[in-house]
C-alpha atoms as a PDB file:
ATOM      1  CA  MET A   1      38.817  -5.216 171.631  1.00  0.00           C
ATOM      2  CA  THR A   2      41.293  -7.988 172.985  1.00  0.00           C
ATOM      3  CA  LEU A   3      40.399  -6.614 176.261  1.00  0.00           C
ATOM      4  CA  THR A   4      36.380  -6.986 175.326  1.00  0.00           C
ATOM      5  CA  ILE A   5      37.012 -10.696 173.690  1.00  0.00           C
ATOM      6  CA  LEU A   6      38.703 -11.974 176.897  1.00  0.00           C
ATOM      7  CA  SER A   7      36.018 -11.024 179.177  1.00  0.00           C
ATOM      8  CA  ALA A   8      33.673 -12.059 177.488  1.00  0.00           C
ATOM      9  CA  VAL A   9      35.522 -16.007 177.417  1.00  0.00           C
ATOM     10  CA  LEU A  10      35.994 -15.508 181.303  1.00  0.00           C
ATOM     11  CA  GLY A  11      32.957 -14.198 181.607  1.00  0.00           C
ATOM     12  CA  LEU A  12      31.276 -18.123 179.771  1.00  0.00           C
ATOM     13  CA  VAL A  13      33.754 -20.070 181.820  1.00  0.00           C
ATOM     14  CA  LEU A  14      32.543 -17.747 185.508  1.00  0.00           C
ATOM     15  CA  ALA A  15      28.986 -18.963 184.138  1.00  0.00           C
ATOM     16  CA  ILE A  16      29.743 -21.896 183.636  1.00  0.00           C
ATOM     17  CA  ALA A  17      31.036 -22.503 186.881  1.00  0.00           C
ATOM     18  CA  LEU A  18      28.273 -21.074 188.547  1.00  0.00           C
ATOM     19  CA  VAL A  19      25.743 -23.375 186.691  1.00  0.00           C
ATOM     20  CA  LEU A  20      27.838 -26.402 187.916  1.00  0.00           C
ATOM     21  CA  ALA A  21      28.260 -24.959 191.515  1.00  0.00           C
ATOM     22  CA  GLY A  22      24.679 -24.201 191.216  1.00  0.00           C
ATOM     23  CA  TRP A  23      23.707 -27.637 190.570  1.00  0.00           C
ATOM     24  CA  ARG A  24      25.944 -29.341 193.193  1.00  0.00           C
ATOM     25  CA  MET A  25      24.069 -26.923 195.739  1.00  0.00           C
ATOM     26  CA  VAL A  26      20.814 -27.871 195.143  1.00  0.00           C
ATOM     27  CA  ARG A  27      20.905 -32.019 194.557  1.00  0.00           C
ATOM     28  CA  GLY A  28      24.693 -31.737 197.187  1.00  0.00           C
ATOM     29  CA  PRO A  29      24.435 -35.451 198.457  1.00  0.00           C
ATOM     30  CA  GLY A  30      25.118 -33.711 201.933  1.00  0.00           C
ATOM     31  CA  PHE A  31      24.701 -31.158 204.034  1.00  0.00           C
ATOM     32  CA  ALA A  32      28.642 -30.238 203.919  1.00  0.00           C
ATOM     33  CA  ASP A  33      28.854 -30.070 200.160  1.00  0.00           C
ATOM     34  CA  ARG A  34      25.987 -27.771 199.884  1.00  0.00           C
ATOM     35  CA  VAL A  35      28.124 -24.892 202.190  1.00  0.00           C
ATOM     36  CA  ILE A  36      31.363 -25.873 199.786  1.00  0.00           C
ATOM     37  CA  ALA A  37      28.891 -24.971 196.946  1.00  0.00           C
ATOM     38  CA  LEU A  38      27.468 -21.748 198.180  1.00  0.00           C
ATOM     39  CA  ASP A  39      31.594 -21.170 199.077  1.00  0.00           C
ATOM     40  CA  MET A  40      31.996 -21.549 195.636  1.00  0.00           C
ATOM     41  CA  LEU A  41      29.194 -19.524 194.534  1.00  0.00           C
ATOM     42  CA  THR A  42      29.900 -16.551 196.139  1.00  0.00           C
ATOM     43  CA  ALA A  43      34.025 -16.477 194.873  1.00  0.00           C
ATOM     44  CA  ILE A  44      32.067 -17.052 191.417  1.00  0.00           C
ATOM     45  CA  ALA A  45      29.897 -14.041 192.739  1.00  0.00           C
ATOM     46  CA  VAL A  46      33.498 -12.493 193.365  1.00  0.00           C
ATOM     47  CA  GLY A  47      34.906 -13.392 190.582  1.00  0.00           C
ATOM     48  CA  PHE A  48      32.243 -11.279 187.938  1.00  0.00           C
ATOM     49  CA  ALA A  49      32.570  -8.409 190.441  1.00  0.00           C
ATOM     50  CA  ALA A  50      36.385  -8.388 189.442  1.00  0.00           C
ATOM     51  CA  LEU A  51      35.527  -8.876 185.608  1.00  0.00           C
ATOM     52  CA  THR A  52      33.173  -6.197 185.727  1.00  0.00           C
ATOM     53  CA  ALA A  53      36.157  -3.535 187.439  1.00  0.00           C
ATOM     54  CA  VAL A  54      38.136  -4.677 184.556  1.00  0.00           C
ATOM     55  CA  THR A  55      35.787  -4.407 181.570  1.00  0.00           C
ATOM     56  CA  THR A  56      34.471  -0.800 182.684  1.00  0.00           C
ATOM     57  CA  GLY A  57      36.580   0.747 184.731  1.00  0.00           C
ATOM     58  CA  ARG A  58      34.898   1.572 187.874  1.00  0.00           C
ATOM     59  CA  GLY A  59      36.576   1.054 190.859  1.00  0.00           C
ATOM     60  CA  ALA A  60      33.057   0.933 193.086  1.00  0.00           C
ATOM     61  CA  PHE A  61      33.019  -2.912 192.160  1.00  0.00           C
ATOM     62  CA  LEU A  62      36.157  -4.134 193.350  1.00  0.00           C
ATOM     63  CA  ASP A  63      34.726  -2.613 196.601  1.00  0.00           C
ATOM     64  CA  ILE A  64      31.859  -4.770 196.374  1.00  0.00           C
ATOM     65  CA  ALA A  65      34.352  -7.796 195.528  1.00  0.00           C
ATOM     66  CA  LEU A  66      36.020  -7.118 198.812  1.00  0.00           C
ATOM     67  CA  GLY A  67      32.359  -7.111 200.658  1.00  0.00           C
ATOM     68  CA  ILE A  68      31.619 -10.405 198.951  1.00  0.00           C
ATOM     69  CA  ALA A  69      35.187 -12.004 200.123  1.00  0.00           C
ATOM     70  CA  LEU A  70      34.890 -10.669 203.743  1.00  0.00           C
ATOM     71  CA  ILE A  71      31.585 -11.670 204.077  1.00  0.00           C
ATOM     72  CA  ASN A  72      32.398 -15.572 202.469  1.00  0.00           C
ATOM     73  CA  PHE A  73      35.448 -15.520 204.487  1.00  0.00           C
ATOM     74  CA  VAL A  74      33.224 -15.571 208.117  1.00  0.00           C
ATOM     75  CA  ALA A  75      30.722 -17.271 206.397  1.00  0.00           C
ATOM     76  CA  THR A  76      32.988 -20.022 206.422  1.00  0.00           C
ATOM     77  CA  LEU A  77      34.327 -19.841 208.903  1.00  0.00           C
ATOM     78  CA  ALA A  78      30.780 -19.513 210.782  1.00  0.00           C
ATOM     79  CA  PHE A  79      30.020 -23.196 208.586  1.00  0.00           C
ATOM     80  CA  ALA A  80      33.514 -24.658 208.839  1.00  0.00           C
ATOM     81  CA  ALA A  81      32.733 -24.178 213.079  1.00  0.00           C
ATOM     82  CA  PHE A  82      28.781 -25.539 213.623  1.00  0.00           C
ATOM     83  CA  LEU A  83      30.279 -28.881 211.014  1.00  0.00           C
ATOM     84  CA  GLU A  84      32.696 -29.469 213.358  1.00  0.00           C
ATOM     85  CA  ARG A  85      30.426 -29.239 216.610  1.00  0.00           C
ATOM     86  CA  LYS A  86      28.047 -31.264 215.201  1.00  0.00           C
ATOM     87  CA  ARG A  87      30.618 -33.719 214.722  1.00  0.00           C
ATOM     88  CA  ARG A  88      31.893 -33.685 218.115  1.00  0.00           C
ATOM     89  CA  GLU A  89      28.113 -34.687 219.784  1.00  0.00           C
ATOM     90  CA  PRO A  90      27.128 -38.010 219.617  1.00  0.00           C
END
């Protein structure tokens, strides 16, 4: 019962963070802000997958969380390299 309430509260917090990050991604003033918001959205997806794994007891959701985290890491590196290259060009 306590785990159910805690998971519901954490799900609500993640949902609020999802909405705020989505709003920043749509309304972001610059390209870098939108990339950071996308990074945040994928981090929230990892949180949802981990929360689902804890709540349901299925380890497959941890594999999904790990896959999303790895893809997020590589995508963040690619966007950072792109922004750095764009900054060097006159």
